[in-house]
């Protein structure tokens, strides 16, 4: 079992993931997240329904949603998860923990 924690949380654009073995506490991977709030992918990540409502024509919704989901999924993999994402895939199952002030800030957005 793995443990994924948020550390050094600053805001929704800056934090660090730390992935450890839940039983031993051994380090598995980490990733310093530094997102640019001006990137369109961040806008999608932060509020998908709003982005789709303003940027997708109703007659092209299915195709555009699929394209956007694919592009943002790749962005999340590289920018949000980084090497932690690959480690999670290699070492399943995993669980996440968001403690203290970070949990409160994430919940409030």
Foldseek 3Di string as FASTA:
>chain_A
DKEWEWAPDDAPQWIKIWIARPPPRHTDDMDTAGHDCPDVLVVCVVPVVVCLVPPPDPVCSVVVVVVSCVVSVVVCDCRVCNVVVVSCVVDDDYDYDYDDPRVVRVVVD
